[in-house]
Amino acid sequence: MKHPLNPSDFYFCEVQQADAAQYTLTGPLVEESEVILEACRTDWRTWNKRAENLKTAALLRSENECTTPRAVVVKYSSGSNNIYLSTLGEFTNTEKGFKTLGAIIANAGIPCKALEQNPDEIFFFQDNKLLFPRQAAKRMVKADGRKSLTIYVYSPRPLDDLLIEPNMPKLTLRTGTPDTELVINGKPVEIAGKDYNRADFRELPLLQGWNCLEISMPESTPDDKLQGHFFCDNRADYLPQVRASYVNPEAK
């Protein structure tokens, strides 16, 4: 095996709320296929917070009660041709899942073009949030007692005039320190809410297309305080269309 995988590589219930797969596979085609990956027979999220003396028995019972098909990745072979089927729709919502799926594809021998982007630099959409990459702090630039990060955010529609239509998406950026400052397309944005461990910038005035966001905080701020994310409380359909990048795509 080119890329060894361990059981821990498939444990996601503490890093995302969404199911890695919403469906499983069954039927004649699956019966004639090689099952590469199966879903777990129990929902670990149900038992994670229970007492240890109850958890083991509860897990064993729920596994024994599971009667549904569990195949989520299968390989069907016909002559020299191979067809791979997968239902892992929410598997790559995190850096961990992204890397695990890449290893599965490589181990299966599936031809796959190498990614141009490092998974450590991807803004993942997870649990209705667009998350900053875990290594984002390493890209901050220090100057004049502050450190700053520049990112580019794509909006499919303008958000700079909330009176254009009712129920306009209201996008929020949250960071881990109240000392955060934000500039969007050269214009400062005021903090709308804060406490000792967060700052919220609400109703971000993004233009349609790519926007330049400059995020800064005191140079002494611990790196983990940059753990920011975007969310949109009033329009669930908007955030999945938002994209973010360290590099201005329009300058490529």
Protein backbone atom coordinates (compact mmCIF):
# COMPACT_ATOMS: atom_id res chain seq x y z
CA MET A 1 0.00 0.00 0.00
CA LYS A 2 1.50 3.30 -1.12
CA HIS A 3 -0.26 5.40 1.52
CA PRO A 4 -0.94 3.45 4.75
CA LEU A 5 -4.17 4.42 6.52
CA ASN A 6 -5.14 3.91 10.15
CA PRO A 7 -8.59 3.76 11.83
CA SER A 8 -7.98 7.26 13.20
CA ASP A 9 -7.87 8.58 9.62
CA PHE A 10 -11.59 7.77 9.32
CA TYR A 11 -12.70 9.31 12.62
CA PHE A 12 -14.50 12.58 11.89
CA CYS A 13 -17.16 13.02 14.56
CA GLU A 14 -15.05 15.47 16.60
CA VAL A 15 -14.04 17.66 13.64
CA GLN A 16 -17.36 18.00 11.77
CA GLN A 17 -21.06 17.61 12.47
CA ALA A 18 -22.21 16.60 8.99
CA ASP A 19 -22.24 12.91 8.05
CA ALA A 20 -19.33 12.03 5.77
CA ALA A 21 -21.85 10.15 3.59
CA GLN A 22 -25.61 10.60 3.54
CA TYR A 23 -26.27 7.40 1.59
CA THR A 24 -24.89 3.89 1.27
CA LEU A 25 -24.78 1.57 -1.74
CA THR A 26 -26.66 -1.66 -2.33
CA GLY A 27 -28.11 -3.71 -5.17
CA PRO A 28 -26.91 -6.16 -7.84
CA LEU A 29 -24.05 -3.94 -9.01
CA VAL A 30 -22.68 -3.63 -5.49
CA GLU A 31 -23.00 -7.38 -4.96
CA GLU A 32 -20.71 -7.91 -7.94
CA SER A 33 -18.27 -5.22 -6.81
CA GLU A 34 -15.36 -5.04 -4.42
CA VAL A 35 -16.25 -2.98 -1.37
CA ILE A 36 -13.39 -0.59 -0.64
CA LEU A 37 -14.91 1.35 2.25
CA GLU A 38 -17.89 0.81 4.52
CA ALA A 39 -19.68 3.20 6.86
CA CYS A 40 -19.39 2.69 10.59
CA ARG A 41 -22.21 0.67 12.16
CA THR A 42 -22.83 3.22 14.88
CA ASP A 43 -23.03 6.98 15.28
CA TRP A 44 -20.15 7.81 17.59
CA ARG A 45 -21.55 11.29 18.20
CA THR A 46 -24.42 9.71 20.13
CA TRP A 47 -22.12 8.12 22.68
CA ASN A 48 -19.03 10.34 22.84
CA LYS A 49 -20.17 12.30 25.89
CA ARG A 50 -21.44 9.30 27.83
CA ALA A 51 -19.71 7.73 30.82
CA GLU A 52 -17.01 5.25 29.83
CA ASN A 53 -18.65 2.39 31.73
CA LEU A 54 -21.76 2.81 29.55
CA LYS A 55 -20.14 3.72 26.24
CA THR A 56 -18.69 0.30 25.39
CA ALA A 57 -21.95 -1.56 25.92
CA ALA A 58 -23.93 1.12 24.07
CA LEU A 59 -21.58 0.99 21.09
CA LEU A 60 -21.72 -2.81 20.95
CA ARG A 61 -25.52 -2.78 21.07
CA SER A 62 -25.88 -0.14 18.36
CA GLU A 63 -23.43 -2.03 16.11
CA ASN A 64 -25.40 -5.25 16.52
CA GLU A 65 -28.68 -3.42 15.79
CA CYS A 66 -27.38 -1.96 12.52
CA THR A 67 -28.93 -3.84 9.60
CA THR A 68 -28.59 -1.26 6.80
CA PRO A 69 -26.13 -1.68 3.90
CA ARG A 70 -22.83 0.05 4.68
CA ALA A 71 -20.84 0.24 1.43
CA VAL A 72 -19.83 3.82 0.58
CA VAL A 73 -16.99 3.17 -1.93
CA VAL A 74 -17.04 0.20 -4.31
CA LYS A 75 -15.07 -0.95 -7.34
CA TYR A 76 -16.87 -2.72 -10.19
CA SER A 77 -14.67 -4.48 -12.75
CA SER A 78 -15.68 -5.46 -16.26
CA GLY A 79 -12.88 -6.86 -18.36
CA SER A 80 -10.05 -4.34 -18.32
CA ASN A 81 -12.35 -1.52 -17.15
CA ASN A 82 -12.91 -0.43 -13.55
CA ILE A 83 -15.76 1.73 -12.31
CA TYR A 84 -15.58 3.34 -8.86
CA LEU A 85 -18.76 4.46 -7.07
CA SER A 86 -18.75 6.63 -3.96
CA THR A 87 -21.28 8.40 -1.76
CA LEU A 88 -18.72 10.39 0.25
CA GLY A 89 -20.38 13.74 -0.37
CA GLU A 90 -19.19 15.38 2.88
CA PHE A 91 -15.87 13.55 3.25
CA THR A 92 -13.57 16.38 2.17
CA ASN A 93 -15.06 19.10 4.36
CA THR A 94 -11.92 19.08 6.48
CA GLU A 95 -8.20 18.94 5.87
CA LYS A 96 -8.17 15.48 7.47
CA GLY A 97 -10.86 14.10 5.17
CA PHE A 98 -9.24 15.72 2.14
CA LYS A 99 -5.96 13.93 2.81
CA THR A 100 -7.64 10.61 3.65
CA LEU A 101 -9.65 10.58 0.43
CA GLY A 102 -6.49 11.40 -1.52
CA ALA A 103 -4.80 8.35 0.04
CA ILE A 104 -7.81 6.13 -0.80
CA ILE A 105 -7.72 7.26 -4.43
CA ALA A 106 -3.97 6.70 -4.68
CA ASN A 107 -4.12 3.26 -3.05
CA ALA A 108 -6.92 2.22 -5.41
CA GLY A 109 -4.70 3.09 -8.36
CA ILE A 110 -7.17 5.63 -9.71
CA PRO A 111 -5.43 8.08 -12.07
CA CYS A 112 -5.68 11.50 -10.48
CA LYS A 113 -4.10 14.77 -11.49
CA ALA A 114 -1.99 16.27 -8.73
CA LEU A 115 -3.56 19.21 -6.95
CA GLU A 116 -2.13 22.61 -7.68
CA GLN A 117 -3.12 23.75 -4.19
CA ASN A 118 -1.75 22.44 -0.91
CA PRO A 119 -4.62 21.11 1.26
CA ASP A 120 -3.10 23.08 4.16
CA GLU A 121 -4.04 26.25 2.27
CA ILE A 122 -7.64 25.40 1.40
CA PHE A 123 -10.56 27.23 3.01
CA PHE A 124 -12.86 24.32 3.82
CA PHE A 125 -16.66 24.62 3.98
CA GLN A 126 -17.70 22.70 7.08
CA ASP A 127 -20.86 22.71 9.21
CA ASN A 128 -22.20 25.88 7.57
CA LYS A 129 -18.91 27.73 8.07
CA LEU A 130 -16.10 28.67 5.70
CA LEU A 131 -13.02 28.00 7.81
CA PHE A 132 -9.59 29.60 7.64
CA PRO A 133 -6.84 27.04 6.92
CA ARG A 134 -5.12 25.69 10.02
CA GLN A 135 -1.78 27.09 8.87
CA ALA A 136 -3.14 30.58 8.14
CA ALA A 137 -1.07 32.24 10.88
CA LYS A 138 2.14 31.25 9.09
CA ARG A 139 1.19 33.53 6.22
CA MET A 140 0.84 36.63 8.36
CA VAL A 141 3.22 39.53 7.68
CA LYS A 142 4.63 41.54 10.61
CA ALA A 143 5.06 45.32 10.43
CA ASP A 144 4.76 48.31 12.80
CA GLY A 145 3.82 46.21 15.83
CA ARG A 146 1.01 44.34 14.06
CA LYS A 147 0.72 41.25 11.91
CA SER A 148 -1.64 41.00 8.99
CA LEU A 149 -3.10 38.48 6.60
CA THR A 150 -4.44 39.27 3.15
CA ILE A 151 -7.05 36.97 1.61
CA TYR A 152 -9.35 37.20 -1.39
CA VAL A 153 -13.02 36.33 -1.06
CA TYR A 154 -15.41 35.71 -3.95
CA SER A 155 -19.07 36.64 -3.63
CA PRO A 156 -21.56 35.59 -6.33
CA ARG A 157 -23.59 38.72 -5.66
CA PRO A 158 -23.03 42.24 -4.28
CA LEU A 159 -23.55 42.66 -0.52
CA ASP A 160 -22.64 46.34 -0.24
CA ASP A 161 -26.26 47.57 -0.39
CA LEU A 162 -28.63 45.63 1.88
CA LEU A 163 -31.60 47.66 0.62
CA ILE A 164 -31.42 46.24 -2.90
CA GLU A 165 -33.76 43.40 -2.01
CA PRO A 166 -35.33 41.82 1.07
CA ASN A 167 -33.50 39.00 2.84
CA MET A 168 -30.13 39.89 1.36
CA PRO A 169 -27.39 37.49 2.62
CA LYS A 170 -25.63 38.91 5.68
CA LEU A 171 -22.10 37.54 5.84
CA THR A 172 -20.11 37.61 9.09
CA LEU A 173 -16.38 37.17 9.70
CA ARG A 174 -15.40 35.97 13.19
CA THR A 175 -11.84 35.93 14.53
CA GLY A 176 -10.43 34.85 17.90
CA THR A 177 -9.40 38.24 19.33
CA PRO A 178 -11.24 41.55 19.92
CA ASP A 179 -8.11 43.40 18.77
CA THR A 180 -8.72 42.43 15.15
CA GLU A 181 -8.94 45.10 12.47
CA LEU A 182 -10.49 44.50 9.04
CA VAL A 183 -10.18 46.37 5.76
CA ILE A 184 -12.25 45.32 2.72
CA ASN A 185 -11.26 46.68 -0.68
CA GLY A 186 -9.34 49.48 0.99
CA LYS A 187 -12.15 50.54 3.36
CA PRO A 188 -12.04 49.86 7.15
CA VAL A 189 -14.91 47.81 8.59
CA GLU A 190 -16.09 48.37 12.16
CA ILE A 191 -16.39 45.54 14.68
CA ALA A 192 -20.08 44.77 15.25
CA GLY A 193 -19.64 42.61 18.35
CA LYS A 194 -16.79 41.35 20.53
CA ASP A 195 -15.75 39.79 23.82
CA TYR A 196 -12.44 38.62 25.29
CA ASN A 197 -11.93 35.86 22.69
CA ARG A 198 -13.69 36.96 19.52
CA ALA A 199 -14.47 39.78 17.13
CA ASP A 200 -17.44 39.76 14.77
CA PHE A 201 -17.57 41.80 11.57
CA ARG A 202 -21.16 41.55 10.37
CA GLU A 203 -22.86 42.35 7.08
CA LEU A 204 -19.58 42.43 5.17
CA PRO A 205 -19.91 44.87 2.24
CA LEU A 206 -18.54 42.55 -0.42
CA LEU A 207 -18.78 43.46 -4.08
CA GLN A 208 -19.78 40.91 -6.67
CA GLY A 209 -16.68 38.98 -7.69
CA TRP A 210 -13.34 38.88 -5.85
CA ASN A 211 -12.74 41.12 -2.83
CA CYS A 212 -9.50 41.91 -0.98
CA LEU A 213 -9.69 41.46 2.81
CA GLU A 214 -6.83 42.60 5.06
CA ILE A 215 -7.02 41.20 8.59
CA SER A 216 -4.62 42.47 11.25
CA MET A 217 -4.01 42.14 14.98
CA PRO A 218 -1.25 43.03 17.46
CA GLU A 219 2.04 41.26 16.76
CA SER A 220 1.97 39.71 20.24
CA THR A 221 -1.35 37.94 19.56
CA PRO A 222 -1.00 34.12 19.75
CA ASP A 223 -1.28 32.45 16.35
CA ASP A 224 -4.36 30.43 17.33
CA LYS A 225 -6.35 33.66 17.69
CA LEU A 226 -6.50 33.91 13.91
CA GLN A 227 -8.73 30.86 13.82
CA GLY A 228 -11.36 32.69 11.86
CA HIS A 229 -14.37 31.67 9.83
CA PHE A 230 -17.20 33.11 7.78
CA PHE A 231 -20.85 32.32 8.40
CA CYS A 232 -24.23 33.50 7.13
CA ASP A 233 -27.15 33.07 9.54
CA ASN A 234 -30.00 34.29 7.35
CA ARG A 235 -29.32 32.53 4.01
CA ALA A 236 -28.10 28.92 4.12
CA ASP A 237 -27.88 28.82 0.31
CA TYR A 238 -25.36 31.67 0.06
CA LEU A 239 -22.23 30.51 1.89
CA PRO A 240 -21.58 27.35 -0.20
CA GLN A 241 -21.14 29.69 -3.19
CA VAL A 242 -18.47 31.80 -1.45
CA ARG A 243 -14.82 31.04 -2.16
CA ALA A 244 -11.61 32.23 -0.53
CA SER A 245 -7.96 32.18 -1.53
CA TYR A 246 -4.58 33.55 -0.48
CA VAL A 247 -3.86 34.52 -4.09
CA ASN A 248 -5.90 36.94 -6.15
CA PRO A 249 -7.30 34.72 -8.94
CA GLU A 250 -7.80 37.77 -11.16
CA ALA A 251 -4.05 38.43 -11.07
CA LYS A 252 -3.05 34.94 -12.27
